[in-house]
C-alpha atoms as a PDB file:
ATOM      1  CA  MET A   1      -0.013  -0.001  -0.024  1.00  0.00           C
ATOM      2  CA  THR A   2       0.962   3.444  -0.692  1.00  0.00           C
ATOM      3  CA  PRO A   3       1.557   5.866   2.344  1.00  0.00           C
ATOM      4  CA  GLU A   4      -1.819   7.327   1.219  1.00  0.00           C
ATOM      5  CA  GLN A   5      -3.808   4.374   0.668  1.00  0.00           C
ATOM      6  CA  THR A   6      -2.349   3.484   4.378  1.00  0.00           C
ATOM      7  CA  LEU A   7      -3.371   7.271   5.692  1.00  0.00           C
ATOM      8  CA  HIS A   8      -6.883   6.902   4.271  1.00  0.00           C
ATOM      9  CA  ALA A   9      -7.201   2.866   6.083  1.00  0.00           C
ATOM     10  CA  ARG A  10      -6.213   4.689   9.397  1.00  0.00           C
ATOM     11  CA  SER A  11      -8.122   7.836   9.185  1.00  0.00           C
ATOM     12  CA  GLU A  12     -11.423   5.679   7.584  1.00  0.00           C
ATOM     13  CA  SER A  13     -10.662   8.703   4.822  1.00  0.00           C
ATOM     14  CA  LYS A  14     -11.358  11.822   6.939  1.00  0.00           C
ATOM     15  CA  CYS A  15      -9.666  14.509   8.349  1.00  0.00           C
ATOM     16  CA  GLU A  16      -7.255  13.315  11.093  1.00  0.00           C
ATOM     17  CA  LEU A  17      -7.878  16.967  12.978  1.00  0.00           C
ATOM     18  CA  CYS A  18     -11.637  17.786  12.638  1.00  0.00           C
ATOM     19  CA  GLY A  19     -12.891  14.489  10.844  1.00  0.00           C
ATOM     20  CA  ALA A  20     -14.138  16.593   7.706  1.00  0.00           C
ATOM     21  CA  PHE A  21     -14.164  13.814   4.678  1.00  0.00           C
ATOM     22  CA  ASP A  22     -14.004  16.480   1.502  1.00  0.00           C
ATOM     23  CA  GLY A  23     -10.896  17.535   0.241  1.00  0.00           C
ATOM     24  CA  LEU A  24      -8.502  15.387   1.917  1.00  0.00           C
ATOM     25  CA  VAL A  25      -4.694  15.843   1.337  1.00  0.00           C
ATOM     26  CA  VAL A  26      -1.428  14.176   2.515  1.00  0.00           C
ATOM     27  CA  TYR A  27       0.393  16.434   4.789  1.00  0.00           C
ATOM     28  CA  PRO A  28       3.918  15.663   5.804  1.00  0.00           C
ATOM     29  CA  VAL A  29       4.472  16.895   9.014  1.00  0.00           C
ATOM     30  CA  PRO A  30       7.763  18.895   9.169  1.00  0.00           C
ATOM     31  CA  PRO A  31      10.312  19.376   9.559  1.00  0.00           C
ATOM     32  CA  ASP A  32      12.507  16.134   8.106  1.00  0.00           C
ATOM     33  CA  SER A  33       9.465  14.052   6.914  1.00  0.00           C
ATOM     34  CA  ASP A  34      10.515  11.539   4.433  1.00  0.00           C
ATOM     35  CA  GLY A  35       6.889  11.227   3.382  1.00  0.00           C
ATOM     36  CA  SER A  36       5.744   7.988   4.952  1.00  0.00           C
ATOM     37  CA  ALA A  37       2.583   7.360   6.783  1.00  0.00           C
ATOM     38  CA  GLU A  38       4.307   7.433  10.208  1.00  0.00           C
ATOM     39  CA  GLN A  39       5.341  11.035   9.464  1.00  0.00           C
ATOM     40  CA  SER A  40       2.492  12.579   7.668  1.00  0.00           C
ATOM     41  CA  ILE A  41      -1.302  13.022   8.563  1.00  0.00           C
ATOM     42  CA  LEU A  42      -4.262  12.875   6.169  1.00  0.00           C
ATOM     43  CA  ILE A  43      -6.119  16.286   6.870  1.00  0.00           C
ATOM     44  CA  CYS A  44      -8.993  18.459   4.984  1.00  0.00           C
ATOM     45  CA  ALA A  45      -8.291  21.751   2.380  1.00  0.00           C
ATOM     46  CA  THR A  46      -9.389  23.699   5.908  1.00  0.00           C
ATOM     47  CA  CYS A  47      -7.189  22.754   8.370  1.00  0.00           C
ATOM     48  CA  ASN A  48      -4.152  22.505   5.563  1.00  0.00           C
ATOM     49  CA  GLY A  49      -5.130  25.979   4.904  1.00  0.00           C
ATOM     50  CA  GLN A  50      -5.025  27.242   8.143  1.00  0.00           C
ATOM     51  CA  ILE A  51      -1.818  25.414   9.062  1.00  0.00           C
ATOM     52  CA  GLU A  52       0.091  26.671   5.848  1.00  0.00           C
ATOM     53  CA  ASN A  53      -1.055  30.385   6.059  1.00  0.00           C
ATOM     54  CA  PRO A  54      -1.145  31.388  10.114  1.00  0.00           C
ATOM     55  CA  GLU A  55      -2.948  34.620   9.183  1.00  0.00           C
ATOM     56  CA  THR A  56      -6.087  32.803   8.038  1.00  0.00           C
ATOM     57  CA  VAL A  57      -6.712  31.007  11.735  1.00  0.00           C
ATOM     58  CA  GLU A  58     -10.247  30.914  12.434  1.00  0.00           C
ATOM     59  CA  VAL A  59      -9.577  29.773  16.103  1.00  0.00           C
ATOM     60  CA  ASN A  60     -12.930  28.086  16.758  1.00  0.00           C
ATOM     61  CA  HIS A  61     -12.154  25.451  14.138  1.00  0.00           C
ATOM     62  CA  TRP A  62      -9.861  24.083  16.316  1.00  0.00           C
ATOM     63  CA  ARG A  63     -12.050  23.202  19.216  1.00  0.00           C
ATOM     64  CA  CYS A  64     -11.911  19.967  17.010  1.00  0.00           C
ATOM     65  CA  LEU A  65      -8.502  19.420  18.668  1.00  0.00           C
ATOM     66  CA  ASN A  66     -10.215  18.704  21.685  1.00  0.00           C
ATOM     67  CA  GLU A  67     -11.162  15.159  20.250  1.00  0.00           C
ATOM     68  CA  SER A  68      -8.071  14.588  18.275  1.00  0.00           C
ATOM     69  CA  MET A  69      -5.300  15.224  20.339  1.00  0.00           C
ATOM     70  CA  TRP A  70      -6.254  11.841  22.371  1.00  0.00           C
ATOM     71  CA  THR A  71      -5.060   9.939  19.011  1.00  0.00           C
ATOM     72  CA  PRO A  72      -2.465   7.280  19.606  1.00  0.00           C
ATOM     73  CA  VAL A  73      -0.708   8.255  16.219  1.00  0.00           C
ATOM     74  CA  PRO A  74       2.148  10.384  16.779  1.00  0.00           C
ATOM     75  CA  ALA A  75       2.211  12.793  13.513  1.00  0.00           C
ATOM     76  CA  VAL A  76      -1.435  13.668  14.487  1.00  0.00           C
ATOM     77  CA  GLN A  77      -0.330  14.430  18.568  1.00  0.00           C
ATOM     78  CA  VAL A  78       2.556  17.114  16.921  1.00  0.00           C
ATOM     79  CA  VAL A  79       0.365  18.499  14.474  1.00  0.00           C
ATOM     80  CA  ALA A  80      -2.496  19.143  17.470  1.00  0.00           C
ATOM     81  CA  TRP A  81       0.548  20.464  19.935  1.00  0.00           C
ATOM     82  CA  ARG A  82       1.419  22.651  17.627  1.00  0.00           C
ATOM     83  CA  MET A  83      -1.814  24.434  16.329  1.00  0.00           C
ATOM     84  CA  LEU A  84      -2.796  24.145  20.419  1.00  0.00           C
ATOM     85  CA  THR A  85       0.898  26.224  21.190  1.00  0.00           C
ATOM     86  CA  ARG A  86      -0.032  28.842  18.276  1.00  0.00           C
ATOM     87  CA  LEU A  87      -3.525  29.505  19.623  1.00  0.00           C
ATOM     88  CA  SER A  88      -2.684  29.057  23.398  1.00  0.00           C
ATOM     89  CA  ALA A  89      -3.606  33.054  24.235  1.00  0.00           C
ATOM     90  CA  GLU A  90      -7.058  32.594  23.266  1.00  0.00           C
ATOM     91  CA  GLY A  91      -7.532  30.602  27.120  1.00  0.00           C
ATOM     92  CA  TRP A  92      -9.216  27.176  25.784  1.00  0.00           C
ATOM     93  CA  PRO A  93      -6.202  25.741  23.896  1.00  0.00           C
ATOM     94  CA  GLN A  94      -3.725  26.039  26.685  1.00  0.00           C
ATOM     95  CA  GLU A  95      -6.462  24.637  28.845  1.00  0.00           C
ATOM     96  CA  LEU A  96      -6.052  21.653  26.015  1.00  0.00           C
ATOM     97  CA  LEU A  97      -2.251  21.616  26.119  1.00  0.00           C
ATOM     98  CA  ASP A  98      -2.065  21.152  30.083  1.00  0.00           C
ATOM     99  CA  MET A  99      -3.795  18.007  29.590  1.00  0.00           C
ATOM    100  CA  LEU A 100      -1.862  16.816  26.302  1.00  0.00           C
ATOM    101  CA  PHE A 101       0.554  14.356  27.242  1.00  0.00           C
ATOM    102  CA  LEU A 102       3.498  13.190  24.651  1.00  0.00           C
ATOM    103  CA  ASP A 103       6.421  10.971  25.164  1.00  0.00           C
ATOM    104  CA  GLN A 104       9.615  12.311  24.775  1.00  0.00           C
ATOM    105  CA  GLU A 105      10.217  11.418  21.372  1.00  0.00           C
ATOM    106  CA  THR A 106       7.007  13.004  20.048  1.00  0.00           C
ATOM    107  CA  GLN A 107       7.206  15.829  22.235  1.00  0.00           C
ATOM    108  CA  ALA A 108      10.709  16.775  20.777  1.00  0.00           C
ATOM    109  CA  TRP A 109       9.418  16.533  17.187  1.00  0.00           C
ATOM    110  CA  ALA A 110       6.804  18.596  18.002  1.00  0.00           C
ATOM    111  CA  GLU A 111       8.677  21.348  19.769  1.00  0.00           C
ATOM    112  CA  GLU A 112      11.649  20.948  16.673  1.00  0.00           C
ATOM    113  CA  GLY A 113       9.057  22.220  13.923  1.00  0.00           C
ATOM    114  CA  ILE A 114       7.638  25.205  16.287  1.00  0.00           C
ATOM    115  CA  ALA A 115      11.028  26.667  16.931  1.00  0.00           C
ATOM    116  CA  THR A 116      11.163  28.569  14.460  1.00  0.00           C
ATOM    117  CA  ALA A 117       7.933  29.762  14.120  1.00  0.00           C
ATOM    118  CA  SER A 118       7.893  30.760  17.443  1.00  0.00           C
ATOM    119  CA  GLU A 119      11.024  33.147  16.980  1.00  0.00           C
ATOM    120  CA  ASP A 120       8.405  35.262  14.899  1.00  0.00           C
ATOM    121  CA  ALA A 121       5.403  35.312  17.109  1.00  0.00           C
ATOM    122  CA  ILE A 122       3.658  38.610  18.051  1.00  0.00           C
ATOM    123  CA  VAL A 123       4.460  39.009  21.795  1.00  0.00           C
ATOM    124  CA  HIS A 124       1.520  41.757  23.681  1.00  0.00           C
ATOM    125  CA  ARG A 125       3.435  43.712  26.682  1.00  0.00           C
ATOM    126  CA  ASP A 126       2.450  45.997  28.991  1.00  0.00           C
ATOM    127  CA  CYS A 127       3.797  49.685  29.721  1.00  0.00           C
ATOM    128  CA  ASN A 128       6.450  48.020  32.429  1.00  0.00           C
ATOM    129  CA  GLY A 129       7.153  45.152  29.806  1.00  0.00           C
ATOM    130  CA  ALA A 130       4.780  42.198  31.258  1.00  0.00           C
ATOM    131  CA  VAL A 131       4.034  39.960  28.487  1.00  0.00           C
ATOM    132  CA  LEU A 132       0.061  39.919  28.129  1.00  0.00           C
ATOM    133  CA  ALA A 133      -2.186  37.235  27.662  1.00  0.00           C
ATOM    134  CA  ALA A 134      -5.505  36.775  26.823  1.00  0.00           C
ATOM    135  CA  GLY A 135      -8.019  37.021  29.230  1.00  0.00           C
ATOM    136  CA  ASP A 136      -5.636  38.994  31.370  1.00  0.00           C
ATOM    137  CA  SER A 137      -6.768  42.050  33.733  1.00  0.00           C
ATOM    138  CA  VAL A 138      -4.940  45.076  33.008  1.00  0.00           C
ATOM    139  CA  THR A 139      -5.454  49.167  34.295  1.00  0.00           C
ATOM    140  CA  LEU A 140      -5.144  51.908  32.187  1.00  0.00           C
ATOM    141  CA  THR A 141      -2.054  54.384  33.250  1.00  0.00           C
ATOM    142  CA  LYS A 142      -3.423  57.396  31.736  1.00  0.00           C
ATOM    143  CA  ASP A 143      -6.900  59.132  30.707  1.00  0.00           C
ATOM    144  CA  LEU A 144      -7.815  57.969  27.086  1.00  0.00           C
ATOM    145  CA  ASN A 145     -10.249  59.564  24.523  1.00  0.00           C
ATOM    146  CA  VAL A 146     -12.353  56.499  22.834  1.00  0.00           C
ATOM    147  CA  LYS A 147     -12.173  57.659  18.822  1.00  0.00           C
ATOM    148  CA  GLY A 148     -15.785  57.973  17.885  1.00  0.00           C
ATOM    149  CA  SER A 149     -17.241  58.524  20.835  1.00  0.00           C
ATOM    150  CA  SER A 150     -17.625  61.234  23.614  1.00  0.00           C
ATOM    151  CA  LEU A 151     -15.834  58.214  26.372  1.00  0.00           C
ATOM    152  CA  THR A 152     -12.607  59.383  28.363  1.00  0.00           C
ATOM    153  CA  ALA A 153     -11.256  56.034  29.624  1.00  0.00           C
ATOM    154  CA  LYS A 154     -10.182  57.524  33.045  1.00  0.00           C
ATOM    155  CA  ARG A 155      -6.700  56.603  34.517  1.00  0.00           C
ATOM    156  CA  GLY A 156      -6.867  53.732  36.717  1.00  0.00           C
ATOM    157  CA  THR A 157     -10.231  52.226  35.052  1.00  0.00           C
ATOM    158  CA  PRO A 158      -9.657  48.072  35.335  1.00  0.00           C
ATOM    159  CA  VAL A 159     -10.472  46.299  31.902  1.00  0.00           C
ATOM    160  CA  ARG A 160     -11.200  42.772  32.750  1.00  0.00           C
ATOM    161  CA  ASN A 161     -10.633  39.814  30.097  1.00  0.00           C
ATOM    162  CA  ILE A 162      -8.685  41.450  27.646  1.00  0.00           C
ATOM    163  CA  ARG A 163      -8.083  40.096  23.691  1.00  0.00           C
ATOM    164  CA  LEU A 164      -4.834  40.267  21.846  1.00  0.00           C
ATOM    165  CA  VAL A 165      -4.727  42.016  18.390  1.00  0.00           C
ATOM    166  CA  GLN A 166      -3.488  39.066  16.749  1.00  0.00           C
ATOM    167  CA  ASP A 167      -1.589  41.028  14.021  1.00  0.00           C
ATOM    168  CA  ASN A 168      -0.252  44.239  15.886  1.00  0.00           C
ATOM    169  CA  ALA A 169       1.684  43.585  19.429  1.00  0.00           C
ATOM    170  CA  GLU A 170       0.770  47.390  20.315  1.00  0.00           C
ATOM    171  CA  GLN A 171      -2.826  46.999  20.402  1.00  0.00           C
ATOM    172  CA  ILE A 172      -5.471  44.728  22.867  1.00  0.00           C
ATOM    173  CA  GLU A 173      -9.329  45.126  23.010  1.00  0.00           C
ATOM    174  CA  GLY A 174     -11.171  45.791  25.946  1.00  0.00           C
ATOM    175  CA  ARG A 175     -14.713  46.932  27.429  1.00  0.00           C
ATOM    176  CA  VAL A 176     -14.474  49.835  29.367  1.00  0.00           C
ATOM    177  CA  GLU A 177     -18.075  51.145  30.718  1.00  0.00           C
ATOM    178  CA  GLY A 178     -19.734  48.666  28.310  1.00  0.00           C
ATOM    179  CA  GLN A 179     -17.895  49.734  24.988  1.00  0.00           C
ATOM    180  CA  GLN A 180     -15.425  47.327  23.363  1.00  0.00           C
ATOM    181  CA  ILE A 181     -12.561  49.579  22.530  1.00  0.00           C
ATOM    182  CA  VAL A 182      -8.875  49.081  21.256  1.00  0.00           C
ATOM    183  CA  ILE A 183      -6.072  50.239  23.399  1.00  0.00           C
ATOM    184  CA  LEU A 184      -2.228  50.607  22.666  1.00  0.00           C
ATOM    185  CA  THR A 185      -0.517  48.349  25.156  1.00  0.00           C
ATOM    186  CA  GLN A 186       1.627  51.215  26.198  1.00  0.00           C
ATOM    187  CA  PHE A 187      -1.394  52.724  28.123  1.00  0.00           C
ATOM    188  CA  VAL A 188      -2.231  49.806  30.460  1.00  0.00           C
ATOM    189  CA  LYS A 189      -0.475  48.064  33.167  1.00  0.00           C
ATOM    190  CA  LYS A 190      -1.020  44.131  33.492  1.00  0.00           C
ATOM    191  CA  ASN A 191      -2.712  43.645  37.143  1.00  0.00           C
ATOM    192  CA  GLY A 192      -1.370  40.813  39.174  1.00  0.00           C
END
């Protein structure tokens, strides 16, 4: 049997990450995949597109990893670990990542492939340089006029459960006086 036939048999002809049946392709898990079934997975076009183009990631699509991460197939575990790591700032992926156990060899494979990608990762920092994560609480360090509104967010105002702007390390989103606003990280201090 060819590696593709082996993958179809192993996965019952469905995406090994989300379970979709359409647009299945062989994904050789980097780095150094030899194209064998042991170092490849069968995935749908949606998963493949989001893995290859991180800027197109739809976070909620990856909730499927809650089930597929429990597979005994190391190549699937590696991709699940990498995606959960990439999305860990969202909160729920970090919880799944905390539950996922990989043997030493599989963990090394997973980390080897993500090392170069994480060097380019966007990191959000507050005015003191503390790293911010999705769900953190911050306090405003300056009075801020909210564009398009008569609202002035006062210094000392707490902002709970922030969201990170994925493509801009200098911006976060949060709710102030019932309004969702974008806030520059240079004007916030992380609580706790």
